[in-house]
Amino acid sequence: VANEPNMKAEIWNEILNDAHAIIRKSNPNRTLLIGTINGNQIKYLKD
């Protein structure tokens, strides 16, 4: 969905949710890769 979404967690979660809904309309079963904020760092998995 996006490489290294470097932004506040709440903003990325909002954008991600909207993108997910759009993609799922035409691709309900396709596997999606979703990254964490700020360089896809492990420490932001919790957010």
ModelCIF file with pLDDT and N, C-alpha, C, O atoms, coordinates in Angstrom:
data_MODEL
#
_entry.id   MODEL 
#
_entity.id                         1 
_entity.type                       polymer 
_entity.pdbx_number_of_molecules   1 
#
_entity_poly.entity_id                      1 
_entity_poly.type                           'polypeptide(L)' 
_entity_poly.nstd_linkage                   no 
_entity_poly.nstd_monomer                   no 
_entity_poly.pdbx_seq_one_letter_code       VANEPNMKAEIWNEILNDAHAIIRKSNPNRTLLIGTINGNQIKYLKD 
_entity_poly.pdbx_seq_one_letter_code_can   VANEPNMKAEIWNEILNDAHAIIRKSNPNRTLLIGTINGNQIKYLKD 
_entity_poly.pdbx_strand_id                 A 
#
loop_
_entity_poly_seq.entity_id 
_entity_poly_seq.num 
_entity_poly_seq.mon_id 
_entity_poly_seq.hetero 
1 1  VAL n 
1 2  ALA n 
1 3  ASN n 
1 4  GLU n 
1 5  PRO n 
1 6  ASN n 
1 7  MET n 
1 8  LYS n 
1 9  ALA n 
1 10 GLU n 
1 11 ILE n 
1 12 TRP n 
1 13 ASN n 
1 14 GLU n 
1 15 ILE n 
1 16 LEU n 
1 17 ASN n 
1 18 ASP n 
1 19 ALA n 
1 20 HIS n 
1 21 ALA n 
1 22 ILE n 
1 23 ILE n 
1 24 ARG n 
1 25 LYS n 
1 26 SER n 
1 27 ASN n 
1 28 PRO n 
1 29 ASN n 
1 30 ARG n 
1 31 THR n 
1 32 LEU n 
1 33 LEU n 
1 34 ILE n 
1 35 GLY n 
1 36 THR n 
1 37 ILE n 
1 38 ASN n 
1 39 GLY n 
1 40 ASN n 
1 41 GLN n 
1 42 ILE n 
1 43 LYS n 
1 44 TYR n 
1 45 LEU n 
1 46 LYS n 
1 47 ASP n 
#
_struct_asym.id          A 
_struct_asym.entity_id   1 
#
loop_
_ma_qa_metric.id 
_ma_qa_metric.mode 
_ma_qa_metric.name 
_ma_qa_metric.software_group_id 
_ma_qa_metric.type 
1 global pLDDT . pLDDT 
2 local  pLDDT . pLDDT 
#
_ma_qa_metric_global.metric_id      1 
_ma_qa_metric_global.metric_value   97.55 
_ma_qa_metric_global.model_id       1 
_ma_qa_metric_global.ordinal_id     1 
#
loop_
_ma_qa_metric_local.label_asym_id 
_ma_qa_metric_local.label_comp_id 
_ma_qa_metric_local.label_seq_id 
_ma_qa_metric_local.metric_id 
_ma_qa_metric_local.metric_value 
_ma_qa_metric_local.model_id 
_ma_qa_metric_local.ordinal_id 
A VAL 1  2 98.00 1 1  
A ALA 2  2 98.00 1 2  
A ASN 3  2 98.00 1 3  
A GLU 4  2 98.00 1 4  
A PRO 5  2 98.00 1 5  
A ASN 6  2 97.00 1 6  
A MET 7  2 98.00 1 7  
A LYS 8  2 98.00 1 8  
A ALA 9  2 98.00 1 9  
A GLU 10 2 98.00 1 10 
A ILE 11 2 98.00 1 11 
A TRP 12 2 98.00 1 12 
A ASN 13 2 98.00 1 13 
A GLU 14 2 98.00 1 14 
A ILE 15 2 98.00 1 15 
A LEU 16 2 98.00 1 16 
A ASN 17 2 98.00 1 17 
A ASP 18 2 98.00 1 18 
A ALA 19 2 98.00 1 19 
A HIS 20 2 98.00 1 20 
A ALA 21 2 98.00 1 21 
A ILE 22 2 98.00 1 22 
A ILE 23 2 98.00 1 23 
A ARG 24 2 98.00 1 24 
A LYS 25 2 98.00 1 25 
A SER 26 2 98.00 1 26 
A ASN 27 2 97.00 1 27 
A PRO 28 2 96.00 1 28 
A ASN 29 2 94.00 1 29 
A ARG 30 2 96.00 1 30 
A THR 31 2 95.00 1 31 
A LEU 32 2 96.00 1 32 
A LEU 33 2 97.00 1 33 
A ILE 34 2 97.00 1 34 
A GLY 35 2 98.00 1 35 
A THR 36 2 98.00 1 36 
A ILE 37 2 98.00 1 37 
A ASN 38 2 97.00 1 38 
A GLY 39 2 96.00 1 39 
A ASN 40 2 98.00 1 40 
A GLN 41 2 98.00 1 41 
A ILE 42 2 98.00 1 42 
A LYS 43 2 97.00 1 43 
A TYR 44 2 98.00 1 44 
A LEU 45 2 98.00 1 45 
A LYS 46 2 98.00 1 46 
A ASP 47 2 98.00 1 47 
#
loop_
_atom_site.group_PDB 
_atom_site.id 
_atom_site.type_symbol 
_atom_site.label_atom_id 
_atom_site.label_alt_id 
_atom_site.label_comp_id 
_atom_site.label_asym_id 
_atom_site.label_entity_id 
_atom_site.label_seq_id 
_atom_site.pdbx_PDB_ins_code 
_atom_site.Cartn_x 
_atom_site.Cartn_y 
_atom_site.Cartn_z 
_atom_site.occupancy 
_atom_site.B_iso_or_equiv 
_atom_site.pdbx_formal_charge 
_atom_site.auth_seq_id 
_atom_site.auth_comp_id 
_atom_site.auth_asym_id 
_atom_site.auth_atom_id 
_atom_site.pdbx_PDB_model_num 
ATOM 1   N N  . VAL A 1 1  ? 0.815   -1.211  0.000  1.00 98.00 ? 1  VAL A N  1 
ATOM 2   C CA . VAL A 1 1  ? 0.000   0.000   0.000  1.00 98.00 ? 1  VAL A CA 1 
ATOM 3   C C  . VAL A 1 1  ? 0.848   1.261   0.000  1.00 98.00 ? 1  VAL A C  1 
ATOM 4   O O  . VAL A 1 1  ? 0.529   2.209   -0.717 1.00 98.00 ? 1  VAL A O  1 
ATOM 5   N N  . ALA A 1 2  ? 1.913   1.299   0.779  1.00 98.00 ? 2  ALA A N  1 
ATOM 6   C CA . ALA A 1 2  ? 2.787   2.479   0.780  1.00 98.00 ? 2  ALA A CA 1 
ATOM 7   C C  . ALA A 1 2  ? 4.125   2.126   1.405  1.00 98.00 ? 2  ALA A C  1 
ATOM 8   O O  . ALA A 1 2  ? 4.179   1.517   2.474  1.00 98.00 ? 2  ALA A O  1 
ATOM 9   N N  . ASN A 1 3  ? 5.195   2.506   0.742  1.00 98.00 ? 3  ASN A N  1 
ATOM 10  C CA . ASN A 1 3  ? 6.531   2.344   1.297  1.00 98.00 ? 3  ASN A CA 1 
ATOM 11  C C  . ASN A 1 3  ? 6.795   3.410   2.347  1.00 98.00 ? 3  ASN A C  1 
ATOM 12  O O  . ASN A 1 3  ? 6.607   4.598   2.086  1.00 98.00 ? 3  ASN A O  1 
ATOM 13  N N  . GLU A 1 4  ? 7.223   3.002   3.521  1.00 98.00 ? 4  GLU A N  1 
ATOM 14  C CA . GLU A 1 4  ? 7.669   3.893   4.583  1.00 98.00 ? 4  GLU A CA 1 
ATOM 15  C C  . GLU A 1 4  ? 6.759   5.111   4.751  1.00 98.00 ? 4  GLU A C  1 
ATOM 16  O O  . GLU A 1 4  ? 7.168   6.231   4.446  1.00 98.00 ? 4  GLU A O  1 
ATOM 17  N N  . PRO A 1 5  ? 5.539   4.908   5.230  1.00 98.00 ? 5  PRO A N  1 
ATOM 18  C CA . PRO A 1 5  ? 4.640   6.042   5.460  1.00 98.00 ? 5  PRO A CA 1 
ATOM 19  C C  . PRO A 1 5  ? 5.115   6.881   6.641  1.00 98.00 ? 5  PRO A C  1 
ATOM 20  O O  . PRO A 1 5  ? 4.763   6.616   7.791  1.00 98.00 ? 5  PRO A O  1 
ATOM 21  N N  . ASN A 1 6  ? 5.907   7.881   6.343  1.00 97.00 ? 6  ASN A N  1 
ATOM 22  C CA . ASN A 1 6  ? 6.565   8.670   7.388  1.00 97.00 ? 6  ASN A CA 1 
ATOM 23  C C  . ASN A 1 6  ? 5.654   9.823   7.817  1.00 97.00 ? 6  ASN A C  1 
ATOM 24  O O  . ASN A 1 6  ? 5.736   10.934  7.292  1.00 97.00 ? 6  ASN A O  1 
ATOM 25  N N  . MET A 1 7  ? 4.797   9.529   8.771  1.00 98.00 ? 7  MET A N  1 
ATOM 26  C CA . MET A 1 7  ? 3.804   10.500  9.239  1.00 98.00 ? 7  MET A CA 1 
ATOM 27  C C  . MET A 1 7  ? 3.308   10.050  10.600 1.00 98.00 ? 7  MET A C  1 
ATOM 28  O O  . MET A 1 7  ? 3.691   8.984   11.082 1.00 98.00 ? 7  MET A O  1 
ATOM 29  N N  . LYS A 1 8  ? 2.459   10.853  11.223 1.00 98.00 ? 8  LYS A N  1 
ATOM 30  C CA . LYS A 1 8  ? 1.892   10.471  12.506 1.00 98.00 ? 8  LYS A CA 1 
ATOM 31  C C  . LYS A 1 8  ? 1.038   9.221   12.343 1.00 98.00 ? 8  LYS A C  1 
ATOM 32  O O  . LYS A 1 8  ? 0.394   9.013   11.314 1.00 98.00 ? 8  LYS A O  1 
ATOM 33  N N  . ALA A 1 9  ? 1.050   8.397   13.383 1.00 98.00 ? 9  ALA A N  1 
ATOM 34  C CA . ALA A 1 9  ? 0.348   7.117   13.304 1.00 98.00 ? 9  ALA A CA 1 
ATOM 35  C C  . ALA A 1 9  ? -1.128  7.280   13.014 1.00 98.00 ? 9  ALA A C  1 
ATOM 36  O O  . ALA A 1 9  ? -1.694  6.523   12.226 1.00 98.00 ? 9  ALA A O  1 
ATOM 37  N N  . GLU A 1 10 ? -1.761  8.266   13.644 1.00 98.00 ? 10 GLU A N  1 
ATOM 38  C CA . GLU A 1 10 ? -3.202  8.422   13.449 1.00 98.00 ? 10 GLU A CA 1 
ATOM 39  C C  . GLU A 1 10 ? -3.534  8.843   12.020 1.00 98.00 ? 10 GLU A C  1 
ATOM 40  O O  . GLU A 1 10 ? -4.585  8.479   11.492 1.00 98.00 ? 10 GLU A O  1 
ATOM 41  N N  . ILE A 1 11 ? -2.634  9.615   11.391 1.00 98.00 ? 11 ILE A N  1 
ATOM 42  C CA . ILE A 1 11 ? -2.862  10.020  10.010 1.00 98.00 ? 11 ILE A CA 1 
ATOM 43  C C  . ILE A 1 11 ? -2.676  8.835   9.077  1.00 98.00 ? 11 ILE A C  1 
ATOM 44  O O  . ILE A 1 11 ? -3.481  8.624   8.170  1.00 98.00 ? 11 ILE A O  1 
ATOM 45  N N  . TRP A 1 12 ? -1.619  8.062   9.294  1.00 98.00 ? 12 TRP A N  1 
ATOM 46  C CA . TRP A 1 12 ? -1.407  6.899   8.442  1.00 98.00 ? 12 TRP A CA 1 
ATOM 47  C C  . TRP A 1 12 ? -2.548  5.890   8.585  1.00 98.00 ? 12 TRP A C  1 
ATOM 48  O O  . TRP A 1 12 ? -3.001  5.328   7.587  1.00 98.00 ? 12 TRP A O  1 
ATOM 49  N N  . ASN A 1 13 ? -3.008  5.658   9.791  1.00 98.00 ? 13 ASN A N  1 
ATOM 50  C CA . ASN A 1 13 ? -4.103  4.712   9.990  1.00 98.00 ? 13 ASN A CA 1 
ATOM 51  C C  . ASN A 1 13 ? -5.366  5.176   9.272  1.00 98.00 ? 13 ASN A C  1 
ATOM 52  O O  . ASN A 1 13 ? -6.117  4.354   8.746  1.00 98.00 ? 13 ASN A O  1 
ATOM 53  N N  . GLU A 1 14 ? -5.604  6.475   9.247  1.00 98.00 ? 14 GLU A N  1 
ATOM 54  C CA . GLU A 1 14 ? -6.758  7.022   8.518  1.00 98.00 ? 14 GLU A CA 1 
ATOM 55  C C  . GLU A 1 14 ? -6.599  6.816   7.013  1.00 98.00 ? 14 GLU A C  1 
ATOM 56  O O  . GLU A 1 14 ? -7.522  6.344   6.349  1.00 98.00 ? 14 GLU A O  1 
ATOM 57  N N  . ILE A 1 15 ? -5.427  7.169   6.472  1.00 98.00 ? 15 ILE A N  1 
ATOM 58  C CA . ILE A 1 15 ? -5.177  7.017   5.038  1.00 98.00 ? 15 ILE A CA 1 
ATOM 59  C C  . ILE A 1 15 ? -5.208  5.544   4.658  1.00 98.00 ? 15 ILE A C  1 
ATOM 60  O O  . ILE A 1 15 ? -5.786  5.177   3.635  1.00 98.00 ? 15 ILE A O  1 
ATOM 61  N N  . LEU A 1 16 ? -4.589  4.701   5.477  1.00 98.00 ? 16 LEU A N  1 
ATOM 62  C CA . LEU A 1 16 ? -4.575  3.268   5.223  1.00 98.00 ? 16 LEU A CA 1 
ATOM 63  C C  . LEU A 1 16 ? -5.988  2.700   5.158  1.00 98.00 ? 16 LEU A C  1 
ATOM 64  O O  . LEU A 1 16 ? -6.308  1.922   4.259  1.00 98.00 ? 16 LEU A O  1 
ATOM 65  N N  . ASN A 1 17 ? -6.827  3.086   6.103  1.00 98.00 ? 17 ASN A N  1 
ATOM 66  C CA . ASN A 1 17 ? -8.193  2.571   6.135  1.00 98.00 ? 17 ASN A CA 1 
ATOM 67  C C  . ASN A 1 17 ? -8.950  2.933   4.854  1.00 98.00 ? 17 ASN A C  1 
ATOM 68  O O  . ASN A 1 17 ? -9.687  2.113   4.308  1.00 98.00 ? 17 ASN A O  1 
ATOM 69  N N  . ASP A 1 18 ? -8.760  4.176   4.380  1.00 98.00 ? 18 ASP A N  1 
ATOM 70  C CA . ASP A 1 18 ? -9.431  4.609   3.153  1.00 98.00 ? 18 ASP A CA 1 
ATOM 71  C C  . ASP A 1 18 ? -8.878  3.882   1.927  1.00 98.00 ? 18 ASP A C  1 
ATOM 72  O O  . ASP A 1 18 ? -9.636  3.479   1.045  1.00 98.00 ? 18 ASP A O  1 
ATOM 73  N N  . ALA A 1 19 ? -7.571  3.720   1.876  1.00 98.00 ? 19 ALA A N  1 
ATOM 74  C CA . ALA A 1 19 ? -6.960  3.013   0.746  1.00 98.00 ? 19 ALA A CA 1 
ATOM 75  C C  . ALA A 1 19 ? -7.392  1.551   0.741  1.00 98.00 ? 19 ALA A C  1 
ATOM 76  O O  . ALA A 1 19 ? -7.685  0.984   -0.312 1.00 98.00 ? 19 ALA A O  1 
ATOM 77  N N  . HIS A 1 20 ? -7.429  0.956   1.910  1.00 98.00 ? 20 HIS A N  1 
ATOM 78  C CA . HIS A 1 20 ? -7.853  -0.437  2.025  1.00 98.00 ? 20 HIS A CA 1 
ATOM 79  C C  . HIS A 1 20 ? -9.261  -0.617  1.472  1.00 98.00 ? 20 HIS A C  1 
ATOM 80  O O  . HIS A 1 20 ? -9.519  -1.565  0.730  1.00 98.00 ? 20 HIS A O  1 
ATOM 81  N N  . ALA A 1 21 ? -10.171 0.283   1.828  1.00 98.00 ? 21 ALA A N  1 
ATOM 82  C CA . ALA A 1 21 ? -11.554 0.182   1.355  1.00 98.00 ? 21 ALA A CA 1 
ATOM 83  C C  . ALA A 1 21 ? -11.629 0.302   -0.162 1.00 98.00 ? 21 ALA A C  1 
ATOM 84  O O  . ALA A 1 21 ? -12.397 -0.415  -0.804 1.00 98.00 ? 21 ALA A O  1 
ATOM 85  N N  . ILE A 1 22 ? -10.841 1.198   -0.736 1.00 98.00 ? 22 ILE A N  1 
ATOM 86  C CA . ILE A 1 22 ? -10.839 1.385   -2.185 1.00 98.00 ? 22 ILE A CA 1 
ATOM 87  C C  . ILE A 1 22 ? -10.301 0.147   -2.893 1.00 98.00 ? 22 ILE A C  1 
ATOM 88  O O  . ILE A 1 22 ? -10.895 -0.322  -3.864 1.00 98.00 ? 22 ILE A O  1 
ATOM 89  N N  . ILE A 1 23 ? -9.181  -0.384  -2.413 1.00 98.00 ? 23 ILE A N  1 
ATOM 90  C CA . ILE A 1 23 ? -8.579  -1.559  -3.039 1.00 98.00 ? 23 ILE A CA 1 
ATOM 91  C C  . ILE A 1 23 ? -9.503  -2.774  -2.923 1.00 98.00 ? 23 ILE A C  1 
ATOM 92  O O  . ILE A 1 23 ? -9.640  -3.549  -3.870 1.00 98.00 ? 23 ILE A O  1 
ATOM 93  N N  . ARG A 1 24 ? -10.125 -2.933  -1.774 1.00 98.00 ? 24 ARG A N  1 
ATOM 94  C CA . ARG A 1 24 ? -10.963 -4.110  -1.552 1.00 98.00 ? 24 ARG A CA 1 
ATOM 95  C C  . ARG A 1 24 ? -12.236 -4.098  -2.408 1.00 98.00 ? 24 ARG A C  1 
ATOM 96  O O  . ARG A 1 24 ? -12.835 -5.153  -2.620 1.00 98.00 ? 24 ARG A O  1 
ATOM 97  N N  . LYS A 1 25 ? -12.658 -2.941  -2.899 1.00 98.00 ? 25 LYS A N  1 
ATOM 98  C CA . LYS A 1 25 ? -13.832 -2.899  -3.777 1.00 98.00 ? 25 LYS A CA 1 
ATOM 99  C C  . LYS A 1 25 ? -13.606 -3.717  -5.043 1.00 98.00 ? 25 LYS A C  1 
ATOM 100 O O  . LYS A 1 25 ? -14.509 -4.423  -5.493 1.00 98.00 ? 25 LYS A O  1 
ATOM 101 N N  . SER A 1 26 ? -12.418 -3.629  -5.616 1.00 98.00 ? 26 SER A N  1 
ATOM 102 C CA . SER A 1 26 ? -12.137 -4.348  -6.862 1.00 98.00 ? 26 SER A CA 1 
ATOM 103 C C  . SER A 1 26 ? -11.256 -5.575  -6.654 1.00 98.00 ? 26 SER A C  1 
ATOM 104 O O  . SER A 1 26 ? -11.181 -6.438  -7.529 1.00 98.00 ? 26 SER A O  1 
ATOM 105 N N  . ASN A 1 27 ? -10.593 -5.659  -5.511 1.00 97.00 ? 27 ASN A N  1 
ATOM 106 C CA . ASN A 1 27 ? -9.692  -6.781  -5.217 1.00 97.00 ? 27 ASN A CA 1 
ATOM 107 C C  . ASN A 1 27 ? -9.993  -7.326  -3.818 1.00 97.00 ? 27 ASN A C  1 
ATOM 108 O O  . ASN A 1 27 ? -9.188  -7.152  -2.903 1.00 97.00 ? 27 ASN A O  1 
ATOM 109 N N  . PRO A 1 28 ? -11.136 -7.979  -3.646 1.00 96.00 ? 28 PRO A N  1 
ATOM 110 C CA . PRO A 1 28 ? -11.517 -8.414  -2.298 1.00 96.00 ? 28 PRO A CA 1 
ATOM 111 C C  . PRO A 1 28 ? -10.612 -9.481  -1.699 1.00 96.00 ? 28 PRO A C  1 
ATOM 112 O O  . PRO A 1 28 ? -10.577 -9.647  -0.480 1.00 96.00 ? 28 PRO A O  1 
ATOM 113 N N  . ASN A 1 29 ? -9.881  -10.206 -2.539 1.00 94.00 ? 29 ASN A N  1 
ATOM 114 C CA . ASN A 1 29 ? -9.105  -11.337 -2.034 1.00 94.00 ? 29 ASN A CA 1 
ATOM 115 C C  . ASN A 1 29 ? -7.601  -11.218 -2.269 1.00 94.00 ? 29 ASN A C  1 
ATOM 116 O O  . ASN A 1 29 ? -6.857  -12.152 -1.969 1.00 94.00 ? 29 ASN A O  1 
ATOM 117 N N  . ARG A 1 30 ? -7.151  -10.103 -2.791 1.00 96.00 ? 30 ARG A N  1 
ATOM 118 C CA . ARG A 1 30 ? -5.720  -9.972  -3.073 1.00 96.00 ? 30 ARG A CA 1 
ATOM 119 C C  . ARG A 1 30 ? -4.941  -9.697  -1.784 1.00 96.00 ? 30 ARG A C  1 
ATOM 120 O O  . ARG A 1 30 ? -5.393  -8.935  -0.929 1.00 96.00 ? 30 ARG A O  1 
ATOM 121 N N  . THR A 1 31 ? -3.775  -10.320 -1.654 1.00 95.00 ? 31 THR A N  1 
ATOM 122 C CA . THR A 1 31 ? -2.941  -10.100 -0.479 1.00 95.00 ? 31 THR A CA 1 
ATOM 123 C C  . THR A 1 31 ? -2.322  -8.708  -0.517 1.00 95.00 ? 31 THR A C  1 
ATOM 124 O O  . THR A 1 31 ? -1.747  -8.297  -1.525 1.00 95.00 ? 31 THR A O  1 
ATOM 125 N N  . LEU A 1 32 ? -2.449  -7.996  0.585  1.00 96.00 ? 32 LEU A N  1 
ATOM 126 C CA . LEU A 1 32 ? -1.910  -6.643  0.705  1.00 96.00 ? 32 LEU A CA 1 
ATOM 127 C C  . LEU A 1 32 ? -0.769  -6.632  1.709  1.00 96.00 ? 32 LEU A C  1 
ATOM 128 O O  . LEU A 1 32 ? -0.827  -7.302  2.740  1.00 96.00 ? 32 LEU A O  1 
ATOM 129 N N  . LEU A 1 33 ? 0.277   -5.855  1.393  1.00 97.00 ? 33 LEU A N  1 
ATOM 130 C CA . LEU A 1 33 ? 1.354   -5.610  2.333  1.00 97.00 ? 33 LEU A CA 1 
ATOM 131 C C  . LEU A 1 33 ? 1.161   -4.211  2.912  1.00 97.00 ? 33 LEU A C  1 
ATOM 132 O O  . LEU A 1 33 ? 0.937   -3.246  2.182  1.00 97.00 ? 33 LEU A O  1 
ATOM 133 N N  . ILE A 1 34 ? 1.253   -4.124  4.227  1.00 97.00 ? 34 ILE A N  1 
ATOM 134 C CA . ILE A 1 34 ? 1.012   -2.869  4.933  1.00 97.00 ? 34 ILE A CA 1 
ATOM 135 C C  . ILE A 1 34 ? 2.205   -2.580  5.837  1.00 97.00 ? 34 ILE A C  1 
ATOM 136 O O  . ILE A 1 34 ? 2.639   -3.448  6.594  1.00 97.00 ? 34 ILE A O  1 
ATOM 137 N N  . GLY A 1 35 ? 2.733   -1.363  5.758  1.00 98.00 ? 35 GLY A N  1 
ATOM 138 C CA . GLY A 1 35 ? 3.918   -1.007  6.522  1.00 98.00 ? 35 GLY A CA 1 
ATOM 139 C C  . GLY A 1 35 ? 3.630   -0.132  7.721  1.00 98.00 ? 35 GLY A C  1 
ATOM 140 O O  . GLY A 1 35 ? 2.581   0.507   7.807  1.00 98.00 ? 35 GLY A O  1 
ATOM 141 N N  . THR A 1 36 ? 4.573   -0.110  8.643  1.00 98.00 ? 36 THR A N  1 
ATOM 142 C CA . THR A 1 36 ? 4.492   0.755   9.810  1.00 98.00 ? 36 THR A CA 1 
ATOM 143 C C  . THR A 1 36 ? 5.053   2.130   9.470  1.00 98.00 ? 36 THR A C  1 
ATOM 144 O O  . THR A 1 36 ? 5.692   2.309   8.433  1.00 98.00 ? 36 THR A O  1 
ATOM 145 N N  . ILE A 1 37 ? 4.814   3.088   10.338 1.00 98.00 ? 37 ILE A N  1 
ATOM 146 C CA . ILE A 1 37 ? 5.248   4.465   10.099 1.00 98.00 ? 37 ILE A CA 1 
ATOM 147 C C  . ILE A 1 37 ? 6.756   4.613   10.296 1.00 98.00 ? 37 ILE A C  1 
ATOM 148 O O  . ILE A 1 37 ? 7.429   3.748   10.857 1.00 98.00 ? 37 ILE A O  1 
ATOM 149 N N  . ASN A 1 38 ? 7.256   5.756   9.805  1.00 97.00 ? 38 ASN A N  1 
ATOM 150 C CA . ASN A 1 38 ? 8.627   6.201   10.061 1.00 97.00 ? 38 ASN A CA 1 
ATOM 151 C C  . ASN A 1 38 ? 9.663   5.151   9.704  1.00 97.00 ? 38 ASN A C  1 
ATOM 152 O O  . ASN A 1 38 ? 10.393  4.647   10.558 1.00 97.00 ? 38 ASN A O  1 
ATOM 153 N N  . GLY A 1 39 ? 9.705   4.836   8.408  1.00 96.00 ? 39 GLY A N  1 
ATOM 154 C CA . GLY A 1 39 ? 10.712  3.909   7.926  1.00 96.00 ? 39 GLY A CA 1 
ATOM 155 C C  . GLY A 1 39 ? 10.362  2.451   8.130  1.00 96.00 ? 39 GLY A C  1 
ATOM 156 O O  . GLY A 1 39 ? 11.244  1.593   8.102  1.00 96.00 ? 39 GLY A O  1 
ATOM 157 N N  . ASN A 1 40 ? 9.077   2.156   8.336  1.00 98.00 ? 40 ASN A N  1 
ATOM 158 C CA . ASN A 1 40 ? 8.634   0.766   8.552  1.00 98.00 ? 40 ASN A CA 1 
ATOM 159 C C  . ASN A 1 40 ? 9.348   0.136   9.749  1.00 98.00 ? 40 ASN A C  1 
ATOM 160 O O  . ASN A 1 40 ? 9.676   -1.050  9.721  1.00 98.00 ? 40 ASN A O  1 
ATOM 161 N N  . GLN A 1 41 ? 9.585   0.917   10.789 1.00 98.00 ? 41 GLN A N  1 
ATOM 162 C CA . GLN A 1 41 ? 10.359  0.414   11.919 1.00 98.00 ? 41 GLN A CA 1 
ATOM 163 C C  . GLN A 1 41 ? 9.542   -0.540  12.795 1.00 98.00 ? 41 GLN A C  1 
ATOM 164 O O  . GLN A 1 41 ? 8.330   -0.393  12.951 1.00 98.00 ? 41 GLN A O  1 
ATOM 165 N N  . ILE A 1 42 ? 10.242  -1.509  13.352 1.00 98.00 ? 42 ILE A N  1 
ATOM 166 C CA . ILE A 1 42 ? 9.630   -2.499  14.228 1.00 98.00 ? 42 ILE A CA 1 
ATOM 167 C C  . ILE A 1 42 ? 8.951   -1.838  15.425 1.00 98.00 ? 42 ILE A C  1 
ATOM 168 O O  . ILE A 1 42 ? 7.874   -2.269  15.837 1.00 98.00 ? 42 ILE A O  1 
ATOM 169 N N  . LYS A 1 43 ? 9.559   -0.810  15.982 1.00 97.00 ? 43 LYS A N  1 
ATOM 170 C CA . LYS A 1 43 ? 9.020   -0.230  17.218 1.00 97.00 ? 43 LYS A CA 1 
ATOM 171 C C  . LYS A 1 43 ? 7.676   0.449   17.021 1.00 97.00 ? 43 LYS A C  1 
ATOM 172 O O  . LYS A 1 43 ? 7.014   0.797   18.000 1.00 97.00 ? 43 LYS A O  1 
ATOM 173 N N  . TYR A 1 44 ? 7.254   0.647   15.763 1.00 98.00 ? 44 TYR A N  1 
ATOM 174 C CA . TYR A 1 44 ? 5.953   1.258   15.516 1.00 98.00 ? 44 TYR A CA 1 
ATOM 175 C C  . TYR A 1 44 ? 4.879   0.235   15.162 1.00 98.00 ? 44 TYR A C  1 
ATOM 176 O O  . TYR A 1 44 ? 3.768   0.617   14.795 1.00 98.00 ? 44 TYR A O  1 
ATOM 177 N N  . LEU A 1 45 ? 5.188   -1.052  15.266 1.00 98.00 ? 45 LEU A N  1 
ATOM 178 C CA . LEU A 1 45 ? 4.163   -2.076  15.060 1.00 98.00 ? 45 LEU A CA 1 
ATOM 179 C C  . LEU A 1 45 ? 2.978   -1.858  15.995 1.00 98.00 ? 45 LEU A C  1 
ATOM 180 O O  . LEU A 1 45 ? 1.828   -2.076  15.613 1.00 98.00 ? 45 LEU A O  1 
ATOM 181 N N  . LYS A 1 46 ? 3.259   -1.435  17.195 1.00 98.00 ? 46 LYS A N  1 
ATOM 182 C CA . LYS A 1 46 ? 2.209   -1.258  18.198 1.00 98.00 ? 46 LYS A CA 1 
ATOM 183 C C  . LYS A 1 46 ? 1.221   -0.168  17.813 1.00 98.00 ? 46 LYS A C  1 
ATOM 184 O O  . LYS A 1 46 ? 0.102   -0.154  18.324 1.00 98.00 ? 46 LYS A O  1 
ATOM 185 N N  . ASP A 1 47 ? 1.598   0.732   16.939 1.00 98.00 ? 47 ASP A N  1 
ATOM 186 C CA . ASP A 1 47 ? 0.734   1.852   16.563 1.00 98.00 ? 47 ASP A CA 1 
ATOM 187 C C  . ASP A 1 47 ? -0.093  1.580   15.311 1.00 98.00 ? 47 ASP A C  1 
ATOM 188 O O  . ASP A 1 47 ? -0.864  2.438   14.882 1.00 98.00 ? 47 ASP A O  1 
#
